[in-house]
Amino acid sequence: MDDVDAVQAQIARNMLVSGDWVTARLDGVAYLEKAPLVYWMMAASYKIFGVHDWAARLPLALAVVLLCFVTYRFGRWAFDDQAGMFAGIILATSVGLFLFTRILIPDAMLTLTITGAIWAWLRLLEPDEEQPHRWAAVMGLCFGAGLLLKGLIAVVFPALAGLAFMAVTHQLFRWTAWKKLDLWLAATVALLIAAPWHILAAFNNPPAFAFSLHSGPGEYRGFFWFYFFNEHLLRFLNMRYPRDYNTVPRVWFWLLNLVWLFPWSAYLPAAVKMSYSAQSRASRARLMAICWIGTVMVFFTFSTTQEYYSMPIYPALALLLGSAMASRDTRVRAGTWILQGISSVLCFALTIVLFMVWRLPATGDIAQALTQNPEMYTLSMGHMGDLTLNAFAYLTLPLAIATLAFAAIAAGLAVWRNNIGRTVMVVAIGMIIFFQAARLALVRFDGYLGSYPLAQSLMKSPPGQLVEANSYYAFSSIFFYTGRTALLLNGRNNNLEYGSYAPGAANVFIDDAKFSALWQAPSRCYLVAYGSEKARLESMVGPANLHVVAENAGNYLFTNLAIH
């Protein structure tokens, strides 16, 4: 657990311990920006299995498996068994889904609800659908669950995709088409699921209603304003305060999908030649996929963007690719040639890197070989910029496994390039091997990205008051693994700032003067802080009073009294 992971896991733990399942809290401070379903699922997992990091990740892991299964069933219904199987495998072994499910964010779960809602919308418009009420209820279930996962976009994306589809198929102004959708049933199911929490959250965190387009420091207007105006509207307009996030340039937001879809993006040209008319179920499904992709990408083109914001289009791309690859078009063979060439180049490049770093020393902490780029850390992949050639000396085993993976793909495609079933099998196995290499690399980075070693040292130390300096997220794994709260030194910022102004908010924020007094008192205290803060802390309390308990990746656990 590190950073966002531990924050999400700790919120779920706080809900379980406090019994308050309506208002999320961090260190006693209301955290009003996210919907609660992901926290409820993690808390339920804790209740069954105990509070463990793997128990926190279990609901997301199961949701990803279900997402791939639903994509397979969608493809099987729309096209045929082989196309559906290809779609499920493509989604399960794409780089983006792997990378962005290493982080405890609800986007894969949101993607599952969007996929289910769009499939239901498409089925309800089919002329021969035999269970319309069932699929209207499914659509409502997906809307309701999505609202409790990540807010209004769970309804906006399927609705925009569905409306676009109806427009291009000339159904938008047909009453018979709207009657088929049975929106009253879908809306009723969605409201029964999502409305209770929204109402309770608004009245438990008053004022119940407030309306303003101004967002700034020191302002508190309750849950309703913060969640709907600040987190939805003002974030879309890039006017949200605090602005503790970054945005990917638009051109890269579009182009990086070729990376997130890798290795299957080599087959995208084959999807272009497919039929997108409304004459058959298969062509209608492909047309819906295009509407689906277009609405999500255009929406975020006019908004702030993180790398993983395009995740809702992954199943649509997988469906298009599965359909195209099952068609055995000549462009599929061309895609196989392209992928074989890319795999060969990657294998060669990784071999060169492995050769260059093989004899480089890799002693001590990997943090010694990394650069610091804090301006990039508000992006999901921001830490990738910290890598240096010397850092790869710590990653020789993952490098070797990754080299083997792409060698296996290149060799397998050379032998079976004319058999699409075996091609898909070879690429999928190769990517599974590559993901193991990536997993090992992430394990190697664990100590650098998280604070688990500091948490271990704290748990072994004598009791004392814990203080955190200026960066709750960076040290969030300490709070998760120790189960402790802390006083926050100059910590009224970022996602903790708004809740700190709520009536009755926990009094956990202290300034330099209060910290100095606390540190010089006779009782034991601990402080976790960045190494860059050390000189300032020494000037406040004196070097002799700042005893190092543990150091990890340039961060410190200090105490005011020496431990003998």
Protein backbone atom coordinates (compact mmCIF):
# COMPACT_ATOMS: atom_id res chain seq x y z
CA MET A 1 0.00 0.00 0.00
CA ASP A 2 1.21 3.50 -0.83
CA ASP A 3 -0.17 6.98 -1.43
CA VAL A 4 -3.69 6.72 -2.96
CA ASP A 5 -3.92 2.98 -2.21
CA ALA A 6 -3.47 3.39 1.52
CA VAL A 7 -5.74 6.45 1.64
CA GLN A 8 -8.62 4.51 0.09
CA ALA A 9 -7.95 1.48 2.26
CA GLN A 10 -7.80 3.62 5.40
CA ILE A 11 -11.13 5.31 4.63
CA ALA A 12 -12.76 1.87 4.42
CA ARG A 13 -11.12 0.87 7.70
CA ASN A 14 -12.38 4.05 9.38
CA MET A 15 -15.92 3.31 8.19
CA LEU A 16 -15.76 -0.20 9.62
CA VAL A 17 -14.37 0.97 12.97
CA SER A 18 -16.58 4.04 13.41
CA GLY A 19 -19.80 2.53 12.07
CA ASP A 20 -20.38 5.68 9.99
CA TRP A 21 -20.98 4.34 6.47
CA VAL A 22 -22.19 7.67 5.09
CA THR A 23 -19.32 10.12 5.56
CA ALA A 24 -15.80 9.06 4.61
CA ARG A 25 -13.06 10.34 6.92
CA LEU A 26 -9.30 10.56 7.02
CA ASP A 27 -7.68 11.16 10.41
CA GLY A 28 -11.09 12.26 11.67
CA VAL A 29 -11.53 14.82 8.87
CA ALA A 30 -14.51 14.54 6.50
CA TYR A 31 -13.46 13.44 3.00
CA LEU A 32 -16.41 14.41 0.82
CA GLU A 33 -15.12 14.22 -2.73
CA LYS A 34 -15.75 10.54 -3.58
CA ALA A 35 -18.77 8.25 -3.62
CA PRO A 36 -18.66 5.39 -1.09
CA LEU A 37 -19.35 2.08 -2.86
CA VAL A 38 -15.69 1.15 -3.26
CA TYR A 39 -15.15 1.86 0.46
CA TRP A 40 -18.16 -0.24 1.40
CA MET A 41 -16.81 -3.17 -0.60
CA MET A 42 -13.37 -2.90 1.00
CA ALA A 43 -14.92 -2.60 4.46
CA ALA A 44 -17.02 -5.71 3.78
CA SER A 45 -13.85 -7.51 2.70
CA TYR A 46 -12.18 -6.47 5.98
CA LYS A 47 -15.18 -7.74 7.90
CA ILE A 48 -14.85 -11.17 6.26
CA PHE A 49 -11.08 -11.55 5.98
CA GLY A 50 -9.65 -9.04 8.46
CA VAL A 51 -7.84 -5.76 7.79
CA HIS A 52 -5.08 -6.64 5.32
CA ASP A 53 -3.71 -4.92 2.25
CA TRP A 54 -4.74 -7.86 0.06
CA ALA A 55 -8.26 -7.74 1.50
CA ALA A 56 -8.47 -4.08 0.44
CA ARG A 57 -7.47 -5.02 -3.11
CA LEU A 58 -9.77 -8.06 -3.39
CA PRO A 59 -12.98 -6.23 -4.48
CA LEU A 60 -11.12 -4.46 -7.28
CA ALA A 61 -9.50 -7.70 -8.44
CA LEU A 62 -12.88 -9.46 -8.58
CA ALA A 63 -14.40 -6.49 -10.43
CA VAL A 64 -11.67 -6.66 -13.08
CA VAL A 65 -12.33 -10.37 -13.61
CA LEU A 66 -16.06 -9.62 -13.91
CA LEU A 67 -15.34 -6.77 -16.37
CA CYS A 68 -13.41 -9.11 -18.66
CA PHE A 69 -16.18 -11.72 -18.39
CA VAL A 70 -18.92 -9.19 -19.21
CA THR A 71 -16.89 -7.99 -22.20
CA TYR A 72 -16.61 -11.60 -23.37
CA ARG A 73 -20.37 -12.15 -23.01
CA PHE A 74 -21.10 -8.84 -24.75
CA GLY A 75 -18.89 -9.88 -27.68
CA ARG A 76 -20.36 -13.36 -27.77
CA TRP A 77 -23.90 -11.94 -27.95
CA ALA A 78 -23.02 -9.27 -30.53
CA PHE A 79 -20.72 -11.29 -32.79
CA ASP A 80 -19.93 -14.96 -32.04
CA ASP A 81 -18.12 -17.15 -29.52
CA GLN A 82 -14.65 -16.58 -30.97
CA ALA A 83 -14.99 -12.80 -31.23
CA GLY A 84 -16.30 -12.64 -27.67
CA MET A 85 -13.43 -14.76 -26.38
CA PHE A 86 -10.93 -12.59 -28.26
CA ALA A 87 -12.49 -9.43 -26.79
CA GLY A 88 -12.24 -10.76 -23.22
CA ILE A 89 -8.62 -11.85 -23.69
CA ILE A 90 -7.66 -8.55 -25.34
CA LEU A 91 -9.06 -6.57 -22.43
CA ALA A 92 -7.53 -8.85 -19.78
CA THR A 93 -4.03 -8.68 -21.30
CA SER A 94 -3.84 -5.01 -22.31
CA VAL A 95 -1.21 -2.81 -20.69
CA GLY A 96 -3.63 -0.12 -19.53
CA LEU A 97 -5.94 -2.39 -17.58
CA PHE A 98 -2.95 -3.98 -15.87
CA LEU A 99 -1.26 -0.68 -14.96
CA PHE A 100 -4.30 1.20 -13.74
CA THR A 101 -5.63 -1.61 -11.59
CA ARG A 102 -2.41 -1.65 -9.55
CA ILE A 103 -3.87 1.51 -7.98
CA LEU A 104 -6.87 1.36 -5.66
CA ILE A 105 -9.10 3.61 -7.73
CA PRO A 106 -12.70 2.74 -8.72
CA ASP A 107 -12.28 3.35 -12.47
CA ALA A 108 -12.27 -0.34 -13.44
CA MET A 109 -15.46 -0.81 -11.43
CA LEU A 110 -16.92 2.27 -13.11
CA THR A 111 -15.94 0.81 -16.49
CA LEU A 112 -17.83 -2.36 -15.57
CA THR A 113 -21.03 -0.40 -14.84
CA ILE A 114 -20.68 1.65 -18.04
CA THR A 115 -20.15 -1.51 -20.09
CA GLY A 116 -23.21 -3.16 -18.54
CA ALA A 117 -25.38 -0.07 -19.08
CA ILE A 118 -24.37 0.32 -22.73
CA TRP A 119 -24.93 -3.37 -23.42
CA ALA A 120 -28.36 -3.11 -21.81
CA TRP A 121 -29.18 0.03 -23.86
CA LEU A 122 -28.20 -1.77 -27.07
CA ARG A 123 -30.18 -4.89 -26.20
CA LEU A 124 -33.30 -2.88 -25.37
CA LEU A 125 -33.23 -1.36 -28.86
CA GLU A 126 -32.92 -4.75 -30.53
CA PRO A 127 -36.08 -5.78 -32.44
CA ASP A 128 -36.07 -9.33 -31.05
CA GLU A 129 -35.12 -8.76 -27.39
CA GLU A 130 -37.14 -11.26 -25.35
CA GLN A 131 -36.49 -9.87 -21.82
CA PRO A 132 -36.78 -6.07 -22.03
CA HIS A 133 -37.79 -5.53 -18.39
CA ARG A 134 -34.82 -7.55 -17.20
CA TRP A 135 -32.40 -5.47 -19.25
CA ALA A 136 -34.03 -2.19 -18.19
CA ALA A 137 -33.47 -3.29 -14.60
CA VAL A 138 -29.84 -4.19 -15.44
CA MET A 139 -29.35 -0.73 -16.91
CA GLY A 140 -30.79 0.85 -13.77
CA LEU A 141 -28.58 -1.35 -11.59
CA CYS A 142 -25.51 -0.24 -13.55
CA PHE A 143 -26.54 3.41 -13.33
CA GLY A 144 -27.14 3.18 -9.58
CA ALA A 145 -23.90 1.32 -8.83
CA GLY A 146 -21.95 3.70 -11.07
CA LEU A 147 -23.37 6.74 -9.27
CA LEU A 148 -22.13 5.24 -6.00
CA LEU A 149 -18.70 4.61 -7.52
CA LYS A 150 -17.76 7.83 -9.29
CA GLY A 151 -20.72 10.13 -9.60
CA LEU A 152 -22.63 11.48 -12.55
CA ILE A 153 -20.32 10.32 -15.35
CA ALA A 154 -21.59 6.78 -14.69
CA VAL A 155 -24.88 7.92 -16.22
CA VAL A 156 -23.57 10.63 -18.54
CA PHE A 157 -21.28 8.35 -20.58
CA PRO A 158 -23.80 5.55 -21.31
CA ALA A 159 -26.54 8.10 -21.97
CA LEU A 160 -24.41 10.13 -24.40
CA ALA A 161 -23.25 6.96 -26.17
CA GLY A 162 -26.82 5.66 -26.38
CA LEU A 163 -28.20 8.97 -27.66
CA ALA A 164 -25.43 9.24 -30.25
CA PHE A 165 -26.22 5.70 -31.40
CA MET A 166 -29.93 6.49 -31.64
CA ALA A 167 -29.15 9.62 -33.62
CA VAL A 168 -26.99 7.90 -36.25
CA THR A 169 -29.49 5.04 -36.58
CA HIS A 170 -32.40 7.50 -36.96
CA GLN A 171 -34.15 6.39 -33.76
CA LEU A 172 -33.68 9.53 -31.67
CA PHE A 173 -37.12 10.93 -32.49
CA ARG A 174 -39.00 7.65 -32.62
CA TRP A 175 -41.40 7.07 -29.75
CA THR A 176 -41.25 3.31 -30.29
CA ALA A 177 -37.49 3.34 -29.63
CA TRP A 178 -37.88 5.36 -26.42
CA LYS A 179 -40.65 3.05 -25.28
CA LYS A 180 -38.34 0.06 -25.72
CA LEU A 181 -35.75 1.61 -23.37
CA ASP A 182 -38.21 1.52 -20.44
CA LEU A 183 -36.37 4.44 -18.83
CA TRP A 184 -38.92 4.71 -16.01
CA LEU A 185 -37.95 1.28 -14.73
CA ALA A 186 -34.24 1.97 -15.20
CA ALA A 187 -34.50 5.33 -13.40
CA THR A 188 -36.49 3.82 -10.54
CA VAL A 189 -33.93 1.08 -9.95
CA ALA A 190 -31.05 3.59 -10.16
CA LEU A 191 -32.68 5.98 -7.68
CA LEU A 192 -33.50 3.21 -5.22
CA ILE A 193 -29.83 2.26 -5.21
CA ALA A 194 -28.12 5.65 -5.29
CA ALA A 195 -30.51 8.22 -3.80
CA PRO A 196 -30.41 7.13 -0.12
CA TRP A 197 -26.67 7.74 0.30
CA HIS A 198 -26.75 11.08 -1.52
CA ILE A 199 -29.63 12.30 0.66
CA LEU A 200 -28.02 11.10 3.89
CA ALA A 201 -24.64 12.58 2.94
CA ALA A 202 -26.25 15.96 2.19
CA PHE A 203 -28.16 16.15 5.48
CA ASN A 204 -25.34 14.67 7.58
CA ASN A 205 -22.93 17.29 6.23
CA PRO A 206 -24.92 20.55 6.15
CA PRO A 207 -25.80 22.90 4.67
CA ALA A 208 -27.94 20.46 2.74
CA PHE A 209 -28.04 22.70 -0.33
CA ALA A 210 -25.69 25.45 -1.46
CA PHE A 211 -25.10 26.89 -4.92
CA SER A 212 -21.97 28.71 -6.01
CA LEU A 213 -19.44 28.58 -8.82
CA HIS A 214 -16.67 30.00 -6.65
CA SER A 215 -14.20 27.60 -5.07
CA GLY A 216 -11.47 28.86 -2.78
CA PRO A 217 -9.61 28.40 0.53
CA GLY A 218 -11.39 28.59 3.84
CA GLU A 219 -14.86 28.04 2.39
CA TYR A 220 -17.22 25.32 3.61
CA ARG A 221 -20.61 24.77 2.01
CA GLY A 222 -21.38 21.18 2.99
CA PHE A 223 -21.44 17.94 1.00
CA PHE A 224 -23.91 18.89 -1.72
CA TRP A 225 -21.92 21.87 -2.98
CA PHE A 226 -18.52 20.21 -2.72
CA TYR A 227 -19.53 16.93 -4.34
CA PHE A 228 -21.72 18.20 -7.17
CA PHE A 229 -20.30 21.65 -7.87
CA ASN A 230 -16.65 21.46 -6.87
CA GLU A 231 -15.95 17.82 -7.74
CA HIS A 232 -18.11 17.52 -10.84
CA LEU A 233 -18.69 20.87 -12.53
CA LEU A 234 -15.66 22.89 -11.40
CA ARG A 235 -13.26 19.99 -11.89
CA PHE A 236 -14.57 19.59 -15.45
CA LEU A 237 -13.95 23.31 -16.01
CA ASN A 238 -10.53 23.08 -14.29
CA MET A 239 -11.69 25.59 -11.67
CA ARG A 240 -11.74 23.25 -8.68
CA TYR A 241 -10.01 24.20 -5.45
CA PRO A 242 -7.73 22.78 -4.21
CA ARG A 243 -6.06 22.05 -7.54
CA ASP A 244 -4.10 19.02 -6.31
CA TYR A 245 -4.17 17.25 -9.67
CA ASN A 246 -2.49 17.62 -13.05
CA THR A 247 -3.74 17.10 -16.58
CA VAL A 248 -2.30 15.19 -19.51
CA PRO A 249 -1.95 17.24 -22.73
CA ARG A 250 -4.90 16.48 -25.02
CA VAL A 251 -2.85 15.02 -27.86
CA TRP A 252 -1.14 12.62 -25.48
CA PHE A 253 -4.43 11.71 -23.83
CA TRP A 254 -5.58 10.45 -27.24
CA LEU A 255 -2.33 8.89 -28.46
CA LEU A 256 -1.49 7.10 -25.20
CA ASN A 257 -4.46 4.81 -25.78
CA LEU A 258 -2.25 3.02 -28.31
CA VAL A 259 0.03 2.23 -25.36
CA TRP A 260 -2.78 1.33 -22.96
CA LEU A 261 -4.22 -1.04 -25.58
CA PHE A 262 -0.81 -2.56 -26.38
CA PRO A 263 -0.06 -5.13 -27.76
CA TRP A 264 -3.48 -5.39 -29.42
CA SER A 265 -3.40 -1.84 -30.81
CA ALA A 266 -1.42 -3.29 -33.74
CA TYR A 267 -4.73 -4.70 -34.99
CA LEU A 268 -6.69 -1.42 -34.93
CA PRO A 269 -6.38 -0.92 -38.73
CA ALA A 270 -8.25 -4.21 -39.17
CA ALA A 271 -11.22 -2.78 -37.27
CA VAL A 272 -11.54 0.14 -39.69
CA LYS A 273 -12.68 -2.09 -42.57
CA MET A 274 -15.53 -3.68 -40.62
CA SER A 275 -19.19 -2.83 -41.26
CA TYR A 276 -20.69 -0.05 -39.12
CA SER A 277 -24.16 0.05 -40.60
CA ALA A 278 -27.35 -0.79 -38.71
CA GLN A 279 -28.20 -3.81 -40.85
CA SER A 280 -27.13 -6.55 -38.43
CA ARG A 281 -26.60 -7.05 -34.71
CA ALA A 282 -22.83 -7.21 -35.22
CA SER A 283 -22.66 -3.96 -37.19
CA ARG A 284 -24.95 -2.24 -34.68
CA ALA A 285 -22.69 -3.35 -31.83
CA ARG A 286 -19.64 -1.97 -33.65
CA LEU A 287 -21.49 1.30 -34.28
CA MET A 288 -22.39 1.53 -30.59
CA ALA A 289 -18.72 0.93 -29.71
CA ILE A 290 -17.71 3.88 -31.91
CA CYS A 291 -20.33 6.11 -30.24
CA TRP A 292 -19.10 4.86 -26.85
CA ILE A 293 -15.45 5.68 -27.61
CA GLY A 294 -16.28 9.01 -29.20
CA THR A 295 -18.42 10.37 -26.37
CA VAL A 296 -15.88 9.50 -23.66
CA MET A 297 -12.89 10.89 -25.55
CA VAL A 298 -14.63 14.07 -26.68
CA PHE A 299 -15.94 14.66 -23.14
CA PHE A 300 -12.46 14.52 -21.65
CA THR A 301 -10.96 16.54 -24.48
CA PHE A 302 -12.84 19.49 -22.98
CA SER A 303 -12.01 18.59 -19.37
CA THR A 304 -9.07 17.84 -17.13
CA THR A 305 -7.50 14.47 -17.91
CA GLN A 306 -5.48 11.84 -16.11
CA GLU A 307 -3.93 8.94 -17.99
CA TYR A 308 -6.53 6.45 -16.76
CA TYR A 309 -9.60 8.60 -17.51
CA SER A 310 -9.98 6.84 -20.87
CA MET A 311 -10.38 3.43 -19.19
CA PRO A 312 -14.15 3.33 -19.93
CA ILE A 313 -13.35 2.93 -23.64
CA TYR A 314 -11.15 -0.16 -23.19
CA PRO A 315 -14.03 -2.67 -23.47
CA ALA A 316 -15.34 -0.89 -26.59
CA LEU A 317 -11.91 -1.12 -28.22
CA ALA A 318 -11.63 -4.76 -27.17
CA LEU A 319 -15.01 -5.53 -28.77
CA LEU A 320 -14.00 -3.87 -32.04
CA LEU A 321 -10.69 -5.71 -32.09
CA GLY A 322 -12.25 -9.05 -31.16
CA SER A 323 -14.75 -8.68 -33.98
CA ALA A 324 -12.08 -7.69 -36.49
CA MET A 325 -9.63 -10.43 -35.52
CA ALA A 326 -12.30 -13.11 -35.74
CA SER A 327 -13.06 -11.95 -39.31
CA ARG A 328 -9.62 -13.11 -40.54
CA ASP A 329 -9.35 -10.08 -42.82
CA THR A 330 -6.04 -9.48 -44.59
CA ARG A 331 -5.45 -6.50 -42.30
CA VAL A 332 -5.40 -8.92 -39.37
CA ARG A 333 -2.38 -10.64 -40.90
CA ALA A 334 -0.80 -7.22 -41.43
CA GLY A 335 -1.38 -6.47 -37.72
CA THR A 336 0.35 -9.72 -36.80
CA TRP A 337 3.37 -8.72 -38.92
CA ILE A 338 3.44 -5.31 -37.20
CA LEU A 339 3.19 -6.87 -33.74
CA GLN A 340 5.94 -9.36 -34.56
CA GLY A 341 8.18 -6.48 -35.62
CA ILE A 342 7.39 -4.41 -32.50
CA SER A 343 8.01 -7.41 -30.23
CA SER A 344 11.34 -8.09 -31.93
CA VAL A 345 12.42 -4.45 -31.50
CA LEU A 346 11.37 -4.44 -27.83
CA CYS A 347 13.21 -7.71 -27.23
CA PHE A 348 16.36 -6.27 -28.83
CA ALA A 349 16.11 -2.97 -26.90
CA LEU A 350 15.57 -4.70 -23.56
CA THR A 351 18.51 -7.01 -24.28
CA ILE A 352 20.74 -3.97 -24.84
CA VAL A 353 19.56 -2.33 -21.61
CA LEU A 354 20.07 -5.60 -19.72
CA PHE A 355 23.60 -5.89 -21.11
CA MET A 356 24.40 -2.27 -20.14
CA VAL A 357 23.25 -2.62 -16.52
CA TRP A 358 24.29 -6.21 -15.84
CA ARG A 359 27.53 -5.23 -14.08
CA LEU A 360 26.32 -1.99 -12.52
CA PRO A 361 26.28 -2.07 -8.70
CA ALA A 362 22.84 -2.39 -7.12
CA THR A 363 23.58 -2.07 -3.43
CA GLY A 364 21.36 -0.35 -0.91
CA ASP A 365 18.05 1.32 -1.67
CA ILE A 366 16.79 1.76 -5.24
CA ALA A 367 15.97 5.37 -4.31
CA GLN A 368 19.69 6.16 -4.61
CA ALA A 369 19.53 5.53 -8.35
CA LEU A 370 16.33 7.48 -9.04
CA THR A 371 15.75 11.12 -9.81
CA GLN A 372 13.07 13.22 -8.12
CA ASN A 373 10.40 14.86 -10.28
CA PRO A 374 7.77 16.06 -7.79
CA GLU A 375 6.08 18.22 -10.42
CA MET A 376 5.04 14.99 -12.18
CA TYR A 377 3.62 13.16 -9.16
CA THR A 378 0.08 14.46 -9.62
CA LEU A 379 -0.09 12.23 -12.72
CA SER A 380 -0.72 8.52 -12.24
CA MET A 381 2.44 7.50 -14.10
CA GLY A 382 4.46 10.43 -12.75
CA HIS A 383 7.04 8.25 -11.00
CA MET A 384 8.02 6.66 -14.31
CA GLY A 385 10.05 9.82 -14.92
CA ASP A 386 12.24 8.95 -11.91
CA LEU A 387 13.82 6.00 -13.72
CA THR A 388 17.49 6.27 -14.70
CA LEU A 389 19.80 3.77 -16.37
CA ASN A 390 21.39 3.03 -12.98
CA ALA A 391 17.93 2.24 -11.59
CA PHE A 392 17.60 -0.63 -14.07
CA ALA A 393 20.54 -2.29 -12.31
CA TYR A 394 18.06 -3.00 -9.50
CA LEU A 395 15.62 -4.49 -12.01
CA THR A 396 17.74 -7.07 -13.83
CA LEU A 397 15.37 -9.96 -13.10
CA PRO A 398 12.25 -8.08 -14.33
CA LEU A 399 14.24 -6.93 -17.37
CA ALA A 400 15.28 -10.49 -18.17
CA ILE A 401 11.69 -11.77 -17.82
CA ALA A 402 10.33 -8.93 -19.97
CA THR A 403 12.95 -9.72 -22.63
CA LEU A 404 11.87 -13.36 -22.55
CA ALA A 405 8.21 -12.33 -22.89
CA PHE A 406 8.73 -10.33 -26.07
CA ALA A 407 11.11 -12.95 -27.47
CA ALA A 408 8.36 -15.54 -26.96
CA ILE A 409 5.77 -13.33 -28.68
CA ALA A 410 8.06 -12.63 -31.65
CA ALA A 411 9.01 -16.30 -32.06
CA GLY A 412 5.45 -17.54 -31.61
CA LEU A 413 4.08 -15.13 -34.19
CA ALA A 414 6.77 -16.18 -36.65
CA VAL A 415 5.54 -19.78 -36.39
CA TRP A 416 1.75 -19.27 -36.09
CA ARG A 417 1.07 -15.92 -37.76
CA ASN A 418 -1.47 -17.52 -40.10
CA ASN A 419 -3.53 -19.09 -37.29
CA ILE A 420 -5.44 -16.34 -35.49
CA GLY A 421 -6.44 -18.56 -32.55
CA ARG A 422 -2.83 -19.50 -31.84
CA THR A 423 -1.71 -15.93 -32.46
CA VAL A 424 -4.04 -14.68 -29.74
CA MET A 425 -2.87 -17.47 -27.40
CA VAL A 426 0.83 -16.67 -27.99
CA VAL A 427 0.38 -12.94 -27.43
CA ALA A 428 -1.77 -13.47 -24.32
CA ILE A 429 0.77 -15.85 -22.74
CA GLY A 430 3.60 -13.47 -23.61
CA MET A 431 1.77 -10.58 -21.94
CA ILE A 432 1.08 -12.66 -18.83
CA ILE A 433 4.83 -13.26 -18.58
CA PHE A 434 5.48 -9.55 -19.15
CA PHE A 435 3.00 -8.63 -16.41
CA GLN A 436 4.93 -10.83 -14.00
CA ALA A 437 8.06 -8.85 -14.88
CA ALA A 438 6.18 -5.61 -14.26
CA ARG A 439 4.85 -6.95 -10.96
CA LEU A 440 8.38 -7.79 -9.78
CA ALA A 441 9.53 -4.31 -10.75
CA LEU A 442 6.68 -2.76 -8.77
CA VAL A 443 7.64 -4.89 -5.76
CA ARG A 444 11.20 -3.53 -6.09
CA PHE A 445 9.79 0.00 -6.08
CA ASP A 446 7.58 -0.70 -3.08
CA GLY A 447 9.89 0.76 -0.47
CA TYR A 448 10.48 3.87 -2.57
CA LEU A 449 6.84 4.63 -3.31
CA GLY A 450 5.41 3.70 0.08
CA SER A 451 6.25 4.04 3.76
CA TYR A 452 5.83 0.47 4.93
CA PRO A 453 9.42 0.25 6.32
CA LEU A 454 8.74 3.35 8.43
CA ALA A 455 5.45 1.83 9.61
CA GLN A 456 7.30 -1.32 10.67
CA SER A 457 9.81 0.71 12.69
CA LEU A 458 7.03 2.70 14.34
CA MET A 459 5.19 -0.47 15.37
CA LYS A 460 8.37 -1.78 17.03
CA SER A 461 9.03 1.48 18.91
CA PRO A 462 7.73 2.56 22.35
CA PRO A 463 4.27 4.25 22.44
CA GLY A 464 4.06 7.94 21.65
CA GLN A 465 2.10 10.69 19.89
CA LEU A 466 2.46 10.54 16.11
CA VAL A 467 2.87 13.72 14.06
CA GLU A 468 2.96 13.92 10.26
CA ALA A 469 4.62 16.79 8.42
CA ASN A 470 2.75 18.36 5.52
CA SER A 471 1.98 15.32 3.34
CA TYR A 472 -0.70 12.92 4.57
CA TYR A 473 -0.91 11.09 1.25
CA ALA A 474 2.83 10.43 1.01
CA PHE A 475 2.82 8.74 4.43
CA SER A 476 -0.66 7.24 4.28
CA SER A 477 0.64 3.68 4.41
CA ILE A 478 1.94 4.39 7.93
CA PHE A 479 -1.60 5.13 9.09
CA PHE A 480 -2.99 2.05 7.35
CA TYR A 481 -0.46 -0.46 8.63
CA THR A 482 -0.26 0.92 12.17
CA GLY A 483 -3.97 1.72 12.50
CA ARG A 484 -3.03 5.07 14.09
CA THR A 485 -4.13 8.66 13.72
CA ALA A 486 -1.78 11.63 13.85
CA LEU A 487 -1.49 15.33 14.42
CA LEU A 488 -0.87 17.02 11.07
CA LEU A 489 1.88 19.63 11.01
CA ASN A 490 0.95 22.33 8.48
CA GLY A 491 -1.26 19.67 6.93
CA ARG A 492 -4.39 21.69 6.21
CA ASN A 493 -4.04 21.33 2.45
CA ASN A 494 -5.06 19.33 -0.61
CA ASN A 495 -7.86 16.82 -0.01
CA LEU A 496 -7.93 17.37 3.76
CA GLU A 497 -8.43 21.12 3.54
CA TYR A 498 -12.14 21.34 2.77
CA GLY A 499 -13.26 18.92 5.48
CA SER A 500 -11.07 20.68 8.02
CA TYR A 501 -13.45 23.66 7.94
CA ALA A 502 -16.57 21.57 8.62
CA PRO A 503 -18.39 22.24 11.90
CA GLY A 504 -17.05 19.89 14.57
CA ALA A 505 -14.07 18.80 12.46
CA ALA A 506 -11.34 16.90 14.31
CA ASN A 507 -8.76 19.25 15.81
CA VAL A 508 -5.71 17.51 14.36
CA PHE A 509 -3.95 20.40 12.60
CA ILE A 510 -1.00 22.07 14.31
CA ASP A 511 1.41 24.81 13.29
CA ASP A 512 5.15 25.21 13.91
CA ALA A 513 4.68 26.80 17.34
CA LYS A 514 2.42 24.01 18.63
CA PHE A 515 4.74 21.39 17.20
CA SER A 516 7.80 22.92 18.91
CA ALA A 517 5.99 22.96 22.25
CA LEU A 518 4.81 19.38 21.81
CA TRP A 519 8.26 18.17 20.75
CA GLN A 520 9.98 19.71 23.76
CA ALA A 521 7.48 18.29 26.24
CA PRO A 522 8.61 15.31 28.39
CA SER A 523 6.31 12.79 26.69
CA ARG A 524 7.46 10.83 23.63
CA CYS A 525 6.47 11.96 20.15
CA TYR A 526 7.18 10.66 16.65
CA LEU A 527 7.34 12.62 13.43
CA VAL A 528 7.30 11.36 9.84
CA ALA A 529 8.69 13.84 7.34
CA TYR A 530 10.40 14.26 3.98
CA GLY A 531 14.18 14.41 4.10
CA SER A 532 13.93 17.87 2.54
CA GLU A 533 12.21 19.04 5.76
CA LYS A 534 15.06 17.92 8.03
CA ALA A 535 17.04 21.16 8.05
CA ARG A 536 13.94 23.24 8.83
CA LEU A 537 12.91 20.87 11.61
CA GLU A 538 16.39 21.00 13.14
CA SER A 539 16.23 24.81 13.16
CA MET A 540 12.91 24.61 15.03
CA VAL A 541 13.73 22.08 17.76
CA GLY A 542 17.51 21.70 17.60
CA PRO A 543 19.51 18.84 16.02
CA ALA A 544 20.06 17.20 19.39
CA ASN A 545 16.29 16.78 19.87
CA LEU A 546 15.66 15.18 16.49
CA HIS A 547 16.53 11.50 16.84
CA VAL A 548 16.30 9.32 13.75
CA VAL A 549 14.33 6.12 14.35
CA ALA A 550 14.30 5.00 10.71
CA GLU A 551 15.03 6.31 7.21
CA ASN A 552 13.60 5.04 3.95
CA ALA A 553 13.94 6.43 0.42
CA GLY A 554 14.96 9.82 1.79
CA ASN A 555 12.05 10.04 4.25
CA TYR A 556 12.41 9.89 8.03
CA LEU A 557 10.76 8.74 11.22
CA PHE A 558 12.02 10.95 14.06
CA THR A 559 11.43 10.92 17.81
CA ASN A 560 12.05 13.60 20.43
CA LEU A 561 13.46 11.18 23.03
CA ALA A 562 16.31 8.81 22.31
CA ILE A 563 15.40 5.13 22.18
CA HIS A 564 17.83 2.97 24.13
